[in-house]
Amino acid sequence: MNIKETLLEAYNFRHACKLFDHTKKITDEDFNFILETARLSPTSFGMEGVRLTVITNDELKKELKPFCWNQNQIDSCSHLVVFKTKTKELKPYSDWTKAKFAERGLPQEAQDKYMEVYANFHKSLKSDDIYEWGTRQAYILFSSMITTAALLKIDSCPIEGFEKENLEKVLKIDVSEEEISLVCAFGYRENEQPTKHRLPLEEICEYIK
């Protein structure tokens, strides 16, 4: 099987798994590999403002379940990942953003120019909301992780149905520093995969030549 066939097989394998086999656990080696692909994923301006909390504790997953619409994925999965946006650090002129531009080894004048561009970019957004923008970066990492998992025949389920403030309280997250963007469950399916329904390519893509 060539690389194209392998990738398409993974994308066809991947679905939003609604119930995991709680007796099957992902190995540390496999999950660390999934995490590594998240670490290597791109983020806007290279800011790397996403943090991950990986939960394998069954009691904690049960505690979180009521605040995730009681979805079965929460406490049946092997690994539950909470994606957090570092809202404070991503602000223009924060110590973090200064350090991220400085690590490129550019002269101070160039760093200052990049920071100005970064600040103006945020002003240009429809909503000058660091959390909203940072959440979009979290989805890039998330996409890498679920694709890598599918390549390893590991199932996943993205979860946007959750009570953000309650989850943050249970996980003792300092919301002045970071906020939850999304949640994703990983594990091995309990049931057969349902039929995948997707629009044909010609309905979602056009060429301008």
Protein backbone atom coordinates (compact mmCIF):
# COMPACT_ATOMS: atom_id res chain seq x y z
CA MET A 1 0.00 0.00 0.00
CA ASN A 2 1.45 3.38 -0.98
CA ILE A 3 1.33 6.51 1.19
CA LYS A 4 -1.76 7.89 -0.57
CA GLU A 5 -3.70 4.68 0.00
CA THR A 6 -2.53 4.55 3.61
CA LEU A 7 -3.73 8.09 4.28
CA LEU A 8 -7.10 7.56 2.61
CA GLU A 9 -7.58 4.36 4.59
CA ALA A 10 -6.92 6.33 7.80
CA TYR A 11 -9.39 9.07 6.85
CA ASN A 12 -12.03 6.45 6.06
CA PHE A 13 -11.28 4.67 9.33
CA ARG A 14 -11.69 7.85 11.36
CA HIS A 15 -15.15 8.70 12.64
CA ALA A 16 -16.64 10.33 15.70
CA CYS A 17 -16.60 7.27 17.93
CA LYS A 18 -19.53 7.52 20.34
CA LEU A 19 -18.64 4.61 22.60
CA PHE A 20 -15.23 3.19 23.40
CA ASP A 21 -14.25 -0.21 24.76
CA HIS A 22 -13.21 0.86 28.26
CA THR A 23 -11.15 -2.32 28.72
CA LYS A 24 -8.75 -1.38 25.93
CA LYS A 25 -6.06 1.16 26.73
CA ILE A 26 -3.75 3.03 24.37
CA THR A 27 -0.09 2.33 25.07
CA ASP A 28 2.15 5.14 26.31
CA GLU A 29 4.30 4.71 23.22
CA ASP A 30 1.38 5.20 20.84
CA PHE A 31 -0.13 8.13 22.70
CA ASN A 32 3.19 9.90 23.06
CA PHE A 33 3.57 9.55 19.30
CA ILE A 34 0.16 11.18 18.82
CA LEU A 35 1.19 13.99 21.17
CA GLU A 36 4.43 14.51 19.29
CA THR A 37 2.53 15.20 16.08
CA ALA A 38 0.55 17.84 17.99
CA ARG A 39 3.77 19.42 19.22
CA LEU A 40 5.12 19.61 15.67
CA SER A 41 1.92 21.11 14.26
CA PRO A 42 1.83 24.69 12.98
CA THR A 43 0.31 27.61 14.87
CA SER A 44 -0.33 31.13 13.64
CA PHE A 45 2.80 33.29 13.99
CA GLY A 46 4.46 30.22 15.53
CA MET A 47 3.13 31.25 18.94
CA GLU A 48 2.52 27.70 20.28
CA GLY A 49 -0.19 28.97 22.62
CA VAL A 50 -2.03 25.67 23.09
CA ARG A 51 -1.62 23.39 26.10
CA LEU A 52 -2.97 19.86 26.53
CA THR A 53 -4.25 18.14 29.64
CA VAL A 54 -4.33 14.37 29.14
CA ILE A 55 -6.68 12.56 31.51
CA THR A 56 -6.47 8.80 32.05
CA ASN A 57 -7.85 8.75 35.60
CA ASP A 58 -11.20 6.97 35.44
CA GLU A 59 -12.64 8.70 38.51
CA LEU A 60 -11.86 12.13 37.14
CA LYS A 61 -13.41 11.24 33.79
CA LYS A 62 -16.61 10.23 35.61
CA GLU A 63 -16.56 13.52 37.50
CA LEU A 64 -16.26 15.44 34.23
CA LYS A 65 -18.95 13.48 32.39
CA PRO A 66 -22.01 15.42 33.70
CA PHE A 67 -20.42 18.62 32.42
CA CYS A 68 -19.95 17.07 28.97
CA TRP A 69 -23.65 16.44 28.38
CA ASN A 70 -23.24 12.96 29.92
CA GLN A 71 -21.74 11.69 26.69
CA ASN A 72 -20.52 8.09 26.93
CA GLN A 73 -17.24 8.90 25.21
CA ILE A 74 -16.03 10.76 28.30
CA ASP A 75 -15.73 7.83 30.70
CA SER A 76 -15.39 4.97 28.22
CA CYS A 77 -12.34 6.37 26.41
CA SER A 78 -8.76 5.48 27.17
CA HIS A 79 -7.40 9.03 27.04
CA LEU A 80 -9.37 12.26 27.34
CA VAL A 81 -7.56 15.36 26.08
CA VAL A 82 -8.51 18.88 27.09
CA PHE A 83 -7.17 21.57 24.76
CA LYS A 84 -6.47 24.90 26.46
CA THR A 85 -5.68 28.31 24.97
CA LYS A 86 -3.02 30.38 26.76
CA THR A 87 -5.00 33.61 26.53
CA LYS A 88 -2.68 35.72 28.69
CA GLU A 89 0.51 34.66 26.94
CA LEU A 90 -0.88 35.17 23.43
CA LYS A 91 -1.59 38.86 23.95
CA PRO A 92 0.62 41.25 21.94
CA TYR A 93 3.65 42.49 23.90
CA SER A 94 3.37 39.77 26.54
CA ASP A 95 6.61 38.24 27.81
CA TRP A 96 5.69 35.07 25.93
CA THR A 97 5.19 36.70 22.53
CA LYS A 98 8.40 38.71 22.98
CA ALA A 99 10.30 35.50 23.77
CA LYS A 100 8.80 33.69 20.77
CA PHE A 101 9.94 36.43 18.39
CA ALA A 102 13.33 36.66 20.13
CA GLU A 103 14.06 32.94 19.70
CA ARG A 104 14.31 33.44 15.95
CA GLY A 105 17.63 35.19 16.39
CA LEU A 106 16.57 38.37 14.60
CA PRO A 107 17.88 41.84 15.42
CA GLN A 108 15.80 43.77 17.95
CA GLU A 109 14.56 46.11 15.24
CA ALA A 110 13.15 43.14 13.29
CA GLN A 111 11.60 41.67 16.44
CA ASP A 112 9.89 44.97 17.17
CA LYS A 113 8.57 45.06 13.62
CA TYR A 114 7.17 41.54 13.89
CA MET A 115 5.52 42.45 17.18
CA GLU A 116 3.91 45.48 15.55
CA VAL A 117 2.57 43.27 12.75
CA TYR A 118 1.30 40.78 15.34
CA ALA A 119 -0.49 43.51 17.31
CA ASN A 120 -2.03 45.00 14.18
CA PHE A 121 -3.18 41.54 13.09
CA HIS A 122 -5.14 41.14 16.30
CA LYS A 123 -6.68 44.59 15.89
CA SER A 124 -7.80 43.59 12.39
CA LEU A 125 -9.76 40.55 13.55
CA LYS A 126 -13.53 40.85 13.52
CA SER A 127 -13.45 40.06 17.19
CA ASP A 128 -10.32 41.14 19.04
CA ASP A 129 -10.62 38.02 21.14
CA ILE A 130 -7.44 36.14 21.99
CA TYR A 131 -9.45 33.12 23.13
CA GLU A 132 -11.34 32.83 19.86
CA TRP A 133 -8.17 33.15 17.80
CA GLY A 134 -6.22 30.79 20.05
CA THR A 135 -8.97 28.20 19.82
CA ARG A 136 -8.47 28.08 16.07
CA GLN A 137 -4.85 27.14 16.73
CA ALA A 138 -6.01 24.37 19.07
CA TYR A 139 -8.01 22.86 16.22
CA ILE A 140 -4.85 22.58 14.13
CA LEU A 141 -3.21 20.44 16.82
CA PHE A 142 -6.43 18.49 17.24
CA SER A 143 -6.58 17.71 13.52
CA SER A 144 -3.03 16.36 13.56
CA MET A 145 -3.80 14.18 16.55
CA ILE A 146 -6.96 12.54 15.22
CA THR A 147 -5.31 11.84 11.86
CA THR A 148 -2.27 10.29 13.52
CA ALA A 149 -4.54 8.24 15.77
CA ALA A 150 -6.45 6.92 12.74
CA LEU A 151 -3.17 5.90 11.11
CA LEU A 152 -2.50 3.84 14.25
CA LYS A 153 -6.06 2.40 14.17
CA ILE A 154 -6.95 4.37 17.28
CA ASP A 155 -10.40 5.94 17.42
CA SER A 156 -11.28 9.45 18.48
CA CYS A 157 -14.22 11.75 19.03
CA PRO A 158 -14.15 15.55 19.05
CA ILE A 159 -16.34 17.01 21.78
CA GLU A 160 -17.64 20.56 21.65
CA GLY A 161 -20.65 19.81 23.83
CA PHE A 162 -19.39 20.73 27.28
CA GLU A 163 -19.94 23.26 30.05
CA LYS A 164 -16.75 25.27 29.81
CA GLU A 165 -16.86 27.03 33.16
CA ASN A 166 -17.70 23.87 35.10
CA LEU A 167 -14.92 21.89 33.43
CA GLU A 168 -12.47 24.66 34.23
CA LYS A 169 -13.56 24.61 37.88
CA VAL A 170 -13.19 20.84 38.23
CA LEU A 171 -9.76 20.92 36.57
CA LYS A 172 -8.74 23.94 38.68
CA ILE A 173 -7.78 25.97 35.62
CA ASP A 174 -6.74 29.57 36.23
CA VAL A 175 -8.91 31.29 33.63
CA SER A 176 -6.86 34.47 33.90
CA GLU A 177 -4.08 32.46 32.25
CA GLU A 178 -5.81 29.89 30.03
CA GLU A 179 -9.23 28.65 28.94
CA ILE A 180 -10.59 25.37 27.57
CA SER A 181 -11.08 25.38 23.80
CA LEU A 182 -12.23 21.84 23.07
CA VAL A 183 -12.11 18.26 24.31
CA CYS A 184 -11.28 15.05 22.45
CA ALA A 185 -11.62 11.41 23.49
CA PHE A 186 -9.27 8.68 22.24
CA GLY A 187 -9.54 4.91 22.51
CA TYR A 188 -10.79 1.83 20.71
CA ARG A 189 -14.33 1.50 19.37
CA GLU A 190 -16.90 -0.66 21.08
CA ASN A 191 -19.20 -0.91 18.05
CA GLU A 192 -18.76 -1.19 14.31
CA GLN A 193 -18.16 2.03 12.45
CA PRO A 194 -21.31 3.53 10.90
CA THR A 195 -21.47 4.40 7.21
CA LYS A 196 -19.52 7.55 6.44
CA HIS A 197 -21.54 10.21 4.63
CA ARG A 198 -19.61 12.90 2.76
CA LEU A 199 -20.43 15.23 -0.10
CA PRO A 200 -18.67 14.50 -3.41
CA LEU A 201 -15.51 16.52 -4.01
CA GLU A 202 -17.05 18.56 -6.83
CA GLU A 203 -19.61 19.95 -4.38
CA ILE A 204 -17.05 21.31 -1.95
CA CYS A 205 -14.20 22.34 -4.21
CA GLU A 206 -13.80 24.68 -7.15
CA TYR A 207 -10.75 25.61 -9.21
CA ILE A 208 -9.87 29.07 -10.45
CA LYS A 209 -7.35 28.74 -13.26
